[in-house]
PDB file of all heavy atoms in Angstrom:
ATOM      1  N   GLU A   1     -10.537  -4.708 -11.456  1.00  0.00           N
ATOM      2  CA  GLU A   1     -10.141  -3.321 -11.228  1.00  0.00           C
ATOM      3  C   GLU A   1      -8.695  -3.083 -11.647  1.00  0.00           C
ATOM      4  O   GLU A   1      -8.382  -2.086 -12.312  1.00  0.00           O
ATOM      5  CB  GLU A   1     -10.331  -2.956  -9.755  1.00  0.00           C
ATOM      6  CG  GLU A   1     -10.005  -1.504  -9.443  1.00  0.00           C
ATOM      7  CD  GLU A   1     -10.287  -1.127  -7.998  1.00  0.00           C
ATOM      8  OE1 GLU A   1     -10.766  -1.996  -7.236  1.00  0.00           O
ATOM      9  OE2 GLU A   1     -10.005   0.032  -7.625  1.00  0.00           O
ATOM     10  N   ARG A   2      -7.800  -4.000 -11.268  1.00  0.00           N
ATOM     11  CA  ARG A   2      -6.375  -3.831 -11.591  1.00  0.00           C
ATOM     12  C   ARG A   2      -6.111  -3.905 -13.090  1.00  0.00           C
ATOM     13  O   ARG A   2      -5.214  -3.240 -13.611  1.00  0.00           O
ATOM     14  CB  ARG A   2      -5.565  -4.910 -10.875  1.00  0.00           C
ATOM     15  CG  ARG A   2      -5.267  -4.583  -9.423  1.00  0.00           C
ATOM     16  CD  ARG A   2      -4.253  -3.466  -9.333  1.00  0.00           C
ATOM     17  NE  ARG A   2      -4.086  -2.992  -7.953  1.00  0.00           N
ATOM     18  CZ  ARG A   2      -3.402  -1.925  -7.626  1.00  0.00           C
ATOM     19  NH1 ARG A   2      -2.834  -1.190  -8.563  1.00  0.00           N
ATOM     20  NH2 ARG A   2      -3.284  -1.551  -6.374  1.00  0.00           N
ATOM     21  N   LEU A   3      -6.880  -4.754 -13.793  1.00  0.00           N
ATOM     22  CA  LEU A   3      -6.647  -4.932 -15.227  1.00  0.00           C
ATOM     23  C   LEU A   3      -7.542  -4.028 -16.065  1.00  0.00           C
ATOM     24  O   LEU A   3      -7.565  -4.146 -17.291  1.00  0.00           O
ATOM     25  CB  LEU A   3      -6.887  -6.394 -15.610  1.00  0.00           C
ATOM     26  CG  LEU A   3      -6.007  -7.432 -14.919  1.00  0.00           C
ATOM     27  CD1 LEU A   3      -6.232  -8.810 -15.521  1.00  0.00           C
ATOM     28  CD2 LEU A   3      -4.534  -7.060 -14.992  1.00  0.00           C
ATOM     29  N   SER A   4      -8.279  -3.144 -15.396  1.00  0.00           N
ATOM     30  CA  SER A   4      -9.165  -2.200 -16.082  1.00  0.00           C
ATOM     31  C   SER A   4     -10.216  -2.902 -16.927  1.00  0.00           C
ATOM     32  O   SER A   4     -10.588  -2.435 -18.019  1.00  0.00           O
ATOM     33  CB  SER A   4      -8.352  -1.237 -16.968  1.00  0.00           C
ATOM     34  OG  SER A   4      -7.450  -0.481 -16.184  1.00  0.00           O
ATOM     35  N   LEU A   5     -10.683  -4.045 -16.448  1.00  0.00           N
ATOM     36  CA  LEU A   5     -11.798  -4.724 -17.088  1.00  0.00           C
ATOM     37  C   LEU A   5     -13.098  -4.113 -16.565  1.00  0.00           C
ATOM     38  O   LEU A   5     -13.115  -3.526 -15.479  1.00  0.00           O
ATOM     39  CB  LEU A   5     -11.761  -6.217 -16.768  1.00  0.00           C
ATOM     40  CG  LEU A   5     -10.565  -6.993 -17.330  1.00  0.00           C
ATOM     41  CD1 LEU A   5     -10.512  -8.400 -16.754  1.00  0.00           C
ATOM     42  CD2 LEU A   5     -10.625  -7.041 -18.846  1.00  0.00           C
ATOM     43  N   PRO A   6     -14.184  -4.220 -17.304  1.00  0.00           N
ATOM     44  CA  PRO A   6     -15.453  -3.690 -16.804  1.00  0.00           C
ATOM     45  C   PRO A   6     -15.764  -4.246 -15.420  1.00  0.00           C
ATOM     46  O   PRO A   6     -15.454  -5.398 -15.113  1.00  0.00           O
ATOM     47  CB  PRO A   6     -16.470  -4.188 -17.845  1.00  0.00           C
ATOM     48  CG  PRO A   6     -15.672  -4.351 -19.093  1.00  0.00           C
ATOM     49  CD  PRO A   6     -14.315  -4.817 -18.644  1.00  0.00           C
ATOM     50  N   VAL A   7     -16.362  -3.426 -14.590  1.00  0.00           N
ATOM     51  CA  VAL A   7     -16.608  -3.809 -13.195  1.00  0.00           C
ATOM     52  C   VAL A   7     -17.353  -5.128 -13.091  1.00  0.00           C
ATOM     53  O   VAL A   7     -17.049  -5.978 -12.249  1.00  0.00           O
ATOM     54  CB  VAL A   7     -17.408  -2.695 -12.477  1.00  0.00           C
ATOM     55  CG1 VAL A   7     -17.764  -3.130 -11.056  1.00  0.00           C
ATOM     56  CG2 VAL A   7     -16.603  -1.404 -12.446  1.00  0.00           C
ATOM     57  N   HIS A   8     -18.332  -5.342 -13.966  1.00  0.00           N
ATOM     58  CA  HIS A   8     -19.144  -6.544 -13.894  1.00  0.00           C
ATOM     59  C   HIS A   8     -18.757  -7.555 -14.975  1.00  0.00           C
ATOM     60  O   HIS A   8     -19.588  -8.347 -15.418  1.00  0.00           O
ATOM     61  CB  HIS A   8     -20.628  -6.195 -14.005  1.00  0.00           C
ATOM     62  CG  HIS A   8     -21.108  -5.298 -12.904  1.00  0.00           C
ATOM     63  ND1 HIS A   8     -20.884  -5.588 -11.570  1.00  0.00           N
ATOM     64  CD2 HIS A   8     -21.778  -4.124 -12.930  1.00  0.00           C
ATOM     65  CE1 HIS A   8     -21.411  -4.621 -10.826  1.00  0.00           C
ATOM     66  NE2 HIS A   8     -21.954  -3.721 -11.624  1.00  0.00           N
ATOM     67  N   HIS A   9     -17.494  -7.491 -15.416  1.00  0.00           N
ATOM     68  CA  HIS A   9     -17.042  -8.467 -16.399  1.00  0.00           C
ATOM     69  C   HIS A   9     -17.184  -9.883 -15.846  1.00  0.00           C
ATOM     70  O   HIS A   9     -16.838 -10.163 -14.699  1.00  0.00           O
ATOM     71  CB  HIS A   9     -15.575  -8.214 -16.762  1.00  0.00           C
ATOM     72  CG  HIS A   9     -14.992  -9.269 -17.646  1.00  0.00           C
ATOM     73  ND1 HIS A   9     -14.279 -10.339 -17.156  1.00  0.00           N
ATOM     74  CD2 HIS A   9     -15.052  -9.441 -18.979  1.00  0.00           C
ATOM     75  CE1 HIS A   9     -13.903 -11.107 -18.161  1.00  0.00           C
ATOM     76  NE2 HIS A   9     -14.353 -10.585 -19.269  1.00  0.00           N
ATOM     77  N   ARG A  10     -17.680 -10.794 -16.676  1.00  0.00           N
ATOM     78  CA  ARG A  10     -17.915 -12.161 -16.231  1.00  0.00           C
ATOM     79  C   ARG A  10     -16.831 -13.085 -16.774  1.00  0.00           C
ATOM     80  O   ARG A  10     -16.637 -13.189 -17.984  1.00  0.00           O
ATOM     81  CB  ARG A  10     -19.293 -12.643 -16.687  1.00  0.00           C
ATOM     82  CG  ARG A  10     -20.417 -11.767 -16.167  1.00  0.00           C
ATOM     83  CD  ARG A  10     -21.767 -12.271 -16.594  1.00  0.00           C
ATOM     84  NE  ARG A  10     -22.063 -13.544 -15.961  1.00  0.00           N
ATOM     85  CZ  ARG A  10     -23.302 -14.021 -15.824  1.00  0.00           C
ATOM     86  NH1 ARG A  10     -24.322 -13.330 -16.247  1.00  0.00           N
ATOM     87  NH2 ARG A  10     -23.509 -15.183 -15.254  1.00  0.00           N
ATOM     88  N   TRP A  11     -16.124 -13.742 -15.881  1.00  0.00           N
ATOM     89  CA  TRP A  11     -15.140 -14.748 -16.258  1.00  0.00           C
ATOM     90  C   TRP A  11     -15.866 -16.065 -16.528  1.00  0.00           C
ATOM     91  O   TRP A  11     -17.006 -16.263 -16.094  1.00  0.00           O
ATOM     92  CB  TRP A  11     -14.109 -14.927 -15.140  1.00  0.00           C
ATOM     93  CG  TRP A  11     -13.213 -13.741 -14.968  1.00  0.00           C
ATOM     94  CD1 TRP A  11     -13.579 -12.465 -14.637  1.00  0.00           C
ATOM     95  CD2 TRP A  11     -11.797 -13.716 -15.126  1.00  0.00           C
ATOM     96  NE1 TRP A  11     -12.484 -11.643 -14.574  1.00  0.00           N
ATOM     97  CE2 TRP A  11     -11.366 -12.381 -14.862  1.00  0.00           C
ATOM     98  CE3 TRP A  11     -10.846 -14.666 -15.438  1.00  0.00           C
ATOM     99  CZ2 TRP A  11     -10.032 -12.007 -14.926  1.00  0.00           C
ATOM    100  CZ3 TRP A  11      -9.507 -14.300 -15.502  1.00  0.00           C
ATOM    101  CH2 TRP A  11      -9.118 -12.982 -15.249  1.00  0.00           C
ATOM    102  N   VAL A  12     -15.179 -16.968 -17.240  1.00  0.00           N
ATOM    103  CA  VAL A  12     -15.775 -18.253 -17.602  1.00  0.00           C
ATOM    104  C   VAL A  12     -15.098 -19.348 -16.773  1.00  0.00           C
ATOM    105  O   VAL A  12     -13.925 -19.660 -16.993  1.00  0.00           O
ATOM    106  CB  VAL A  12     -15.596 -18.544 -19.111  1.00  0.00           C
ATOM    107  CG1 VAL A  12     -16.261 -19.864 -19.484  1.00  0.00           C
ATOM    108  CG2 VAL A  12     -16.179 -17.403 -19.946  1.00  0.00           C
ATOM    109  N   LEU A  13     -15.817 -19.892 -15.807  1.00  0.00           N
ATOM    110  CA  LEU A  13     -15.281 -20.949 -14.954  1.00  0.00           C
ATOM    111  C   LEU A  13     -15.709 -22.293 -15.508  1.00  0.00           C
ATOM    112  O   LEU A  13     -16.903 -22.607 -15.563  1.00  0.00           O
ATOM    113  CB  LEU A  13     -15.779 -20.796 -13.519  1.00  0.00           C
ATOM    114  CG  LEU A  13     -15.324 -21.883 -12.538  1.00  0.00           C
ATOM    115  CD1 LEU A  13     -13.802 -21.887 -12.408  1.00  0.00           C
ATOM    116  CD2 LEU A  13     -15.981 -21.703 -11.179  1.00  0.00           C
ATOM    117  N   CYS A  14     -14.737 -23.108 -15.939  1.00  0.00           N
ATOM    118  CA  CYS A  14     -15.007 -24.391 -16.594  1.00  0.00           C
ATOM    119  C   CYS A  14     -14.748 -25.529 -15.610  1.00  0.00           C
ATOM    120  O   CYS A  14     -13.593 -25.820 -15.262  1.00  0.00           O
ATOM    121  CB  CYS A  14     -14.119 -24.548 -17.819  1.00  0.00           C
ATOM    122  SG  CYS A  14     -14.306 -23.199 -19.026  1.00  0.00           S
ATOM    123  N   LEU A  15     -15.803 -26.189 -15.153  1.00  0.00           N
ATOM    124  CA  LEU A  15     -15.711 -27.296 -14.197  1.00  0.00           C
ATOM    125  C   LEU A  15     -15.913 -28.604 -14.943  1.00  0.00           C
ATOM    126  O   LEU A  15     -16.994 -28.864 -15.488  1.00  0.00           O
ATOM    127  CB  LEU A  15     -16.759 -27.138 -13.092  1.00  0.00           C
ATOM    128  CG  LEU A  15     -16.696 -25.846 -12.272  1.00  0.00           C
ATOM    129  CD1 LEU A  15     -17.839 -25.793 -11.270  1.00  0.00           C
ATOM    130  CD2 LEU A  15     -15.352 -25.728 -11.558  1.00  0.00           C
ATOM    131  N   ASP A  16     -14.890 -29.441 -14.945  1.00  0.00           N
ATOM    132  CA  ASP A  16     -14.910 -30.678 -15.727  1.00  0.00           C
ATOM    133  C   ASP A  16     -15.144 -31.893 -14.830  1.00  0.00           C
ATOM    134  O   ASP A  16     -14.677 -31.941 -13.696  1.00  0.00           O
ATOM    135  CB  ASP A  16     -13.570 -30.824 -16.468  1.00  0.00           C
ATOM    136  CG  ASP A  16     -13.609 -31.920 -17.522  1.00  0.00           C
ATOM    137  OD1 ASP A  16     -14.665 -32.097 -18.158  1.00  0.00           O
ATOM    138  OD2 ASP A  16     -12.580 -32.590 -17.709  1.00  0.00           O
ATOM    139  N   GLU A  17     -15.872 -32.878 -15.358  1.00  0.00           N
ATOM    140  CA  GLU A  17     -16.079 -34.176 -14.704  1.00  0.00           C
ATOM    141  C   GLU A  17     -16.966 -34.084 -13.455  1.00  0.00           C
ATOM    142  O   GLU A  17     -16.614 -34.555 -12.379  1.00  0.00           O
ATOM    143  CB  GLU A  17     -14.740 -34.842 -14.353  1.00  0.00           C
ATOM    144  CG  GLU A  17     -13.914 -35.178 -15.576  1.00  0.00           C
ATOM    145  CD  GLU A  17     -12.631 -35.925 -15.215  1.00  0.00           C
ATOM    146  OE1 GLU A  17     -12.094 -35.685 -14.117  1.00  0.00           O
ATOM    147  OE2 GLU A  17     -12.180 -36.738 -16.035  1.00  0.00           O
ATOM    148  N   LEU A  18     -18.121 -33.525 -13.616  1.00  0.00           N
ATOM    149  CA  LEU A  18     -19.056 -33.406 -12.500  1.00  0.00           C
ATOM    150  C   LEU A  18     -19.530 -34.774 -12.008  1.00  0.00           C
ATOM    151  O   LEU A  18     -19.903 -34.929 -10.849  1.00  0.00           O
ATOM    152  CB  LEU A  18     -20.262 -32.574 -12.935  1.00  0.00           C
ATOM    153  CG  LEU A  18     -21.188 -32.065 -11.834  1.00  0.00           C
ATOM    154  CD1 LEU A  18     -20.522 -30.919 -11.093  1.00  0.00           C
ATOM    155  CD2 LEU A  18     -22.528 -31.599 -12.404  1.00  0.00           C
ATOM    156  N   GLU A  19     -19.484 -35.790 -12.891  1.00  0.00           N
ATOM    157  CA  GLU A  19     -20.062 -37.096 -12.549  1.00  0.00           C
ATOM    158  C   GLU A  19     -19.333 -37.810 -11.416  1.00  0.00           C
ATOM    159  O   GLU A  19     -19.880 -38.730 -10.803  1.00  0.00           O
ATOM    160  CB  GLU A  19     -20.097 -38.010 -13.772  1.00  0.00           C
ATOM    161  CG  GLU A  19     -18.737 -38.433 -14.315  1.00  0.00           C
ATOM    162  CD  GLU A  19     -18.169 -37.441 -15.317  1.00  0.00           C
ATOM    163  OE1 GLU A  19     -18.809 -36.398 -15.555  1.00  0.00           O
ATOM    164  OE2 GLU A  19     -17.080 -37.709 -15.849  1.00  0.00           O
ATOM    165  N   ASP A  20     -18.100 -37.404 -11.106  1.00  0.00           N
ATOM    166  CA  ASP A  20     -17.340 -38.080 -10.056  1.00  0.00           C
ATOM    167  C   ASP A  20     -17.655 -37.564  -8.658  1.00  0.00           C
ATOM    168  O   ASP A  20     -17.139 -38.096  -7.677  1.00  0.00           O
ATOM    169  CB  ASP A  20     -15.833 -37.927 -10.314  1.00  0.00           C
ATOM    170  CG  ASP A  20     -15.362 -38.794 -11.478  1.00  0.00           C
ATOM    171  OD1 ASP A  20     -16.011 -39.826 -11.738  1.00  0.00           O
ATOM    172  OD2 ASP A  20     -14.375 -38.428 -12.122  1.00  0.00           O
ATOM    173  N   LEU A  21     -18.470 -36.539  -8.560  1.00  0.00           N
ATOM    174  CA  LEU A  21     -18.727 -35.945  -7.251  1.00  0.00           C
ATOM    175  C   LEU A  21     -19.739 -36.748  -6.446  1.00  0.00           C
ATOM    176  O   LEU A  21     -20.637 -37.389  -6.993  1.00  0.00           O
ATOM    177  CB  LEU A  21     -19.240 -34.508  -7.411  1.00  0.00           C
ATOM    178  CG  LEU A  21     -18.303 -33.498  -8.057  1.00  0.00           C
ATOM    179  CD1 LEU A  21     -18.907 -32.116  -7.987  1.00  0.00           C
ATOM    180  CD2 LEU A  21     -16.935 -33.511  -7.400  1.00  0.00           C
ATOM    181  N   HIS A  22     -19.577 -36.659  -5.125  1.00  0.00           N
ATOM    182  CA  HIS A  22     -20.533 -37.232  -4.189  1.00  0.00           C
ATOM    183  C   HIS A  22     -21.798 -36.380  -4.209  1.00  0.00           C
ATOM    184  O   HIS A  22     -21.738 -35.174  -4.490  1.00  0.00           O
ATOM    185  CB  HIS A  22     -19.902 -37.251  -2.792  1.00  0.00           C
ATOM    186  CG  HIS A  22     -20.730 -37.904  -1.743  1.00  0.00           C
ATOM    187  ND1 HIS A  22     -21.701 -37.216  -1.049  1.00  0.00           N
ATOM    188  CD2 HIS A  22     -20.749 -39.173  -1.269  1.00  0.00           C
ATOM    189  CE1 HIS A  22     -22.276 -38.039  -0.180  1.00  0.00           C
ATOM    190  NE2 HIS A  22     -21.723 -39.227  -0.300  1.00  0.00           N
ATOM    191  N   PRO A  23     -22.987 -36.947  -3.913  1.00  0.00           N
ATOM    192  CA  PRO A  23     -24.224 -36.145  -3.924  1.00  0.00           C
ATOM    193  C   PRO A  23     -24.138 -34.866  -3.103  1.00  0.00           C
ATOM    194  O   PRO A  23     -24.671 -33.820  -3.515  1.00  0.00           O
ATOM    195  CB  PRO A  23     -25.259 -37.115  -3.347  1.00  0.00           C
ATOM    196  CG  PRO A  23     -24.777 -38.460  -3.778  1.00  0.00           C
ATOM    197  CD  PRO A  23     -23.272 -38.379  -3.714  1.00  0.00           C
ATOM    198  N   GLY A  24     -23.478 -34.905  -1.957  1.00  0.00           N
ATOM    199  CA  GLY A  24     -23.353 -33.697  -1.151  1.00  0.00           C
ATOM    200  C   GLY A  24     -22.513 -32.638  -1.841  1.00  0.00           C
ATOM    201  O   GLY A  24     -22.822 -31.439  -1.791  1.00  0.00           O
ATOM    202  N   GLN A  25     -21.431 -33.071  -2.502  1.00  0.00           N
ATOM    203  CA  GLN A  25     -20.588 -32.142  -3.247  1.00  0.00           C
ATOM    204  C   GLN A  25     -21.332 -31.584  -4.452  1.00  0.00           C
ATOM    205  O   GLN A  25     -21.236 -30.397  -4.778  1.00  0.00           O
ATOM    206  CB  GLN A  25     -19.312 -32.857  -3.687  1.00  0.00           C
ATOM    207  CG  GLN A  25     -18.471 -33.370  -2.524  1.00  0.00           C
ATOM    208  CD  GLN A  25     -17.344 -34.269  -2.986  1.00  0.00           C
ATOM    209  OE1 GLN A  25     -17.380 -34.827  -4.082  1.00  0.00           O
ATOM    210  NE2 GLN A  25     -16.339 -34.436  -2.141  1.00  0.00           N
ATOM    211  N   LEU A  26     -22.078 -32.462  -5.107  1.00  0.00           N
ATOM    212  CA  LEU A  26     -22.874 -32.050  -6.258  1.00  0.00           C
ATOM    213  C   LEU A  26     -23.895 -30.991  -5.852  1.00  0.00           C
ATOM    214  O   LEU A  26     -24.122 -30.013  -6.569  1.00  0.00           O
ATOM    215  CB  LEU A  26     -23.585 -33.274  -6.838  1.00  0.00           C
ATOM    216  CG  LEU A  26     -24.281 -33.125  -8.180  1.00  0.00           C
ATOM    217  CD1 LEU A  26     -23.294 -32.737  -9.259  1.00  0.00           C
ATOM    218  CD2 LEU A  26     -25.004 -34.414  -8.547  1.00  0.00           C
ATOM    219  N   LYS A  27     -24.490 -31.179  -4.685  1.00  0.00           N
ATOM    220  CA  LYS A  27     -25.462 -30.212  -4.179  1.00  0.00           C
ATOM    221  C   LYS A  27     -24.816 -28.836  -4.000  1.00  0.00           C
ATOM    222  O   LYS A  27     -25.421 -27.808  -4.319  1.00  0.00           O
ATOM    223  CB  LYS A  27     -26.043 -30.702  -2.854  1.00  0.00           C
ATOM    224  CG  LYS A  27     -27.057 -29.771  -2.220  1.00  0.00           C
ATOM    225  CD  LYS A  27     -27.612 -30.363  -0.939  1.00  0.00           C
ATOM    226  CE  LYS A  27     -28.607 -29.420  -0.266  1.00  0.00           C
ATOM    227  NZ  LYS A  27     -29.167 -29.996   0.981  1.00  0.00           N
ATOM    228  N   GLU A  28     -23.582 -28.813  -3.502  1.00  0.00           N
ATOM    229  CA  GLU A  28     -22.880 -27.543  -3.320  1.00  0.00           C
ATOM    230  C   GLU A  28     -22.663 -26.836  -4.667  1.00  0.00           C
ATOM    231  O   GLU A  28     -22.899 -25.633  -4.792  1.00  0.00           O
ATOM    232  CB  GLU A  28     -21.524 -27.788  -2.647  1.00  0.00           C
ATOM    233  CG  GLU A  28     -21.597 -28.234  -1.200  1.00  0.00           C
ATOM    234  CD  GLU A  28     -21.548 -27.060  -0.237  1.00  0.00           C
ATOM    235  OE1 GLU A  28     -21.001 -26.012  -0.608  1.00  0.00           O
ATOM    236  OE2 GLU A  28     -22.066 -27.198   0.878  1.00  0.00           O
ATOM    237  N   ILE A  29     -22.220 -27.580  -5.662  1.00  0.00           N
ATOM    238  CA  ILE A  29     -21.970 -26.999  -6.981  1.00  0.00           C
ATOM    239  C   ILE A  29     -23.266 -26.462  -7.588  1.00  0.00           C
ATOM    240  O   ILE A  29     -23.329 -25.341  -8.102  1.00  0.00           O
ATOM    241  CB  ILE A  29     -21.354 -28.044  -7.926  1.00  0.00           C
ATOM    242  CG1 ILE A  29     -19.945 -28.420  -7.465  1.00  0.00           C
ATOM    243  CG2 ILE A  29     -21.324 -27.519  -9.363  1.00  0.00           C
ATOM    244  CD1 ILE A  29     -18.903 -27.381  -7.721  1.00  0.00           C
ATOM    245  N   LEU A  30     -24.320 -27.257  -7.533  1.00  0.00           N
ATOM    246  CA  LEU A  30     -25.571 -26.864  -8.163  1.00  0.00           C
ATOM    247  C   LEU A  30     -26.242 -25.715  -7.434  1.00  0.00           C
ATOM    248  O   LEU A  30     -26.985 -24.931  -8.028  1.00  0.00           O
ATOM    249  CB  LEU A  30     -26.508 -28.073  -8.245  1.00  0.00           C
ATOM    250  CG  LEU A  30     -26.010 -29.195  -9.156  1.00  0.00           C
ATOM    251  CD1 LEU A  30     -26.961 -30.380  -9.127  1.00  0.00           C
ATOM    252  CD2 LEU A  30     -25.823 -28.706 -10.582  1.00  0.00           C
ATOM    253  N   THR A  31     -25.980 -25.593  -6.138  1.00  0.00           N
ATOM    254  CA  THR A  31     -26.502 -24.440  -5.403  1.00  0.00           C
ATOM    255  C   THR A  31     -25.861 -23.156  -5.912  1.00  0.00           C
ATOM    256  O   THR A  31     -26.537 -22.136  -6.089  1.00  0.00           O
ATOM    257  CB  THR A  31     -26.250 -24.606  -3.890  1.00  0.00           C
ATOM    258  OG1 THR A  31     -26.947 -25.764  -3.413  1.00  0.00           O
ATOM    259  CG2 THR A  31     -26.742 -23.395  -3.119  1.00  0.00           C
ATOM    260  N   VAL A  32     -24.546 -23.204  -6.154  1.00  0.00           N
ATOM    261  CA  VAL A  32     -23.863 -22.043  -6.732  1.00  0.00           C
ATOM    262  C   VAL A  32     -24.431 -21.751  -8.120  1.00  0.00           C
ATOM    263  O   VAL A  32     -24.638 -20.593  -8.503  1.00  0.00           O
ATOM    264  CB  VAL A  32     -22.345 -22.287  -6.805  1.00  0.00           C
ATOM    265  CG1 VAL A  32     -21.650 -21.168  -7.567  1.00  0.00           C
ATOM    266  CG2 VAL A  32     -21.757 -22.410  -5.408  1.00  0.00           C
ATOM    267  N   LEU A  33     -24.692 -22.811  -8.870  1.00  0.00           N
ATOM    268  CA  LEU A  33     -25.227 -22.652 -10.218  1.00  0.00           C
ATOM    269  C   LEU A  33     -26.594 -21.968 -10.191  1.00  0.00           C
ATOM    270  O   LEU A  33     -26.930 -21.169 -11.067  1.00  0.00           O
ATOM    271  CB  LEU A  33     -25.349 -24.022 -10.881  1.00  0.00           C
ATOM    272  CG  LEU A  33     -25.470 -24.055 -12.403  1.00  0.00           C
ATOM    273  CD1 LEU A  33     -24.151 -23.638 -13.022  1.00  0.00           C
ATOM    274  CD2 LEU A  33     -25.864 -25.445 -12.872  1.00  0.00           C
ATOM    275  N   ARG A  34     -27.376 -22.282  -9.182  1.00  0.00           N
ATOM    276  CA  ARG A  34     -28.719 -21.707  -9.059  1.00  0.00           C
ATOM    277  C   ARG A  34     -28.687 -20.264  -8.572  1.00  0.00           C
ATOM    278  O   ARG A  34     -29.634 -19.512  -8.784  1.00  0.00           O
ATOM    279  CB  ARG A  34     -29.543 -22.536  -8.055  1.00  0.00           C
ATOM    280  CG  ARG A  34     -29.906 -23.946  -8.519  1.00  0.00           C
ATOM    281  CD  ARG A  34     -30.928 -23.905  -9.627  1.00  0.00           C
ATOM    282  NE  ARG A  34     -32.042 -23.020  -9.280  1.00  0.00           N
ATOM    283  CZ  ARG A  34     -33.090 -23.402  -8.540  1.00  0.00           C
ATOM    284  NH1 ARG A  34     -33.160 -24.632  -8.063  1.00  0.00           N
ATOM    285  NH2 ARG A  34     -34.051 -22.557  -8.280  1.00  0.00           N
ATOM    286  N   ALA A  35     -27.613 -19.891  -7.904  1.00  0.00           N
ATOM    287  CA  ALA A  35     -27.538 -18.551  -7.325  1.00  0.00           C
ATOM    288  C   ALA A  35     -27.207 -17.520  -8.401  1.00  0.00           C
ATOM    289  O   ALA A  35     -26.851 -17.850  -9.532  1.00  0.00           O
ATOM    290  CB  ALA A  35     -26.492 -18.519  -6.215  1.00  0.00           C
TER     291      ALA A  35
END
């Protein structure tokens, strides 16, 4: 809103090195990915 970007503009979130996560942490990330 402040930068006058489209309301539903999608930013690109780059998460690096997923392989180091614990299974529980991985589950949290992948749940967001599925949503």
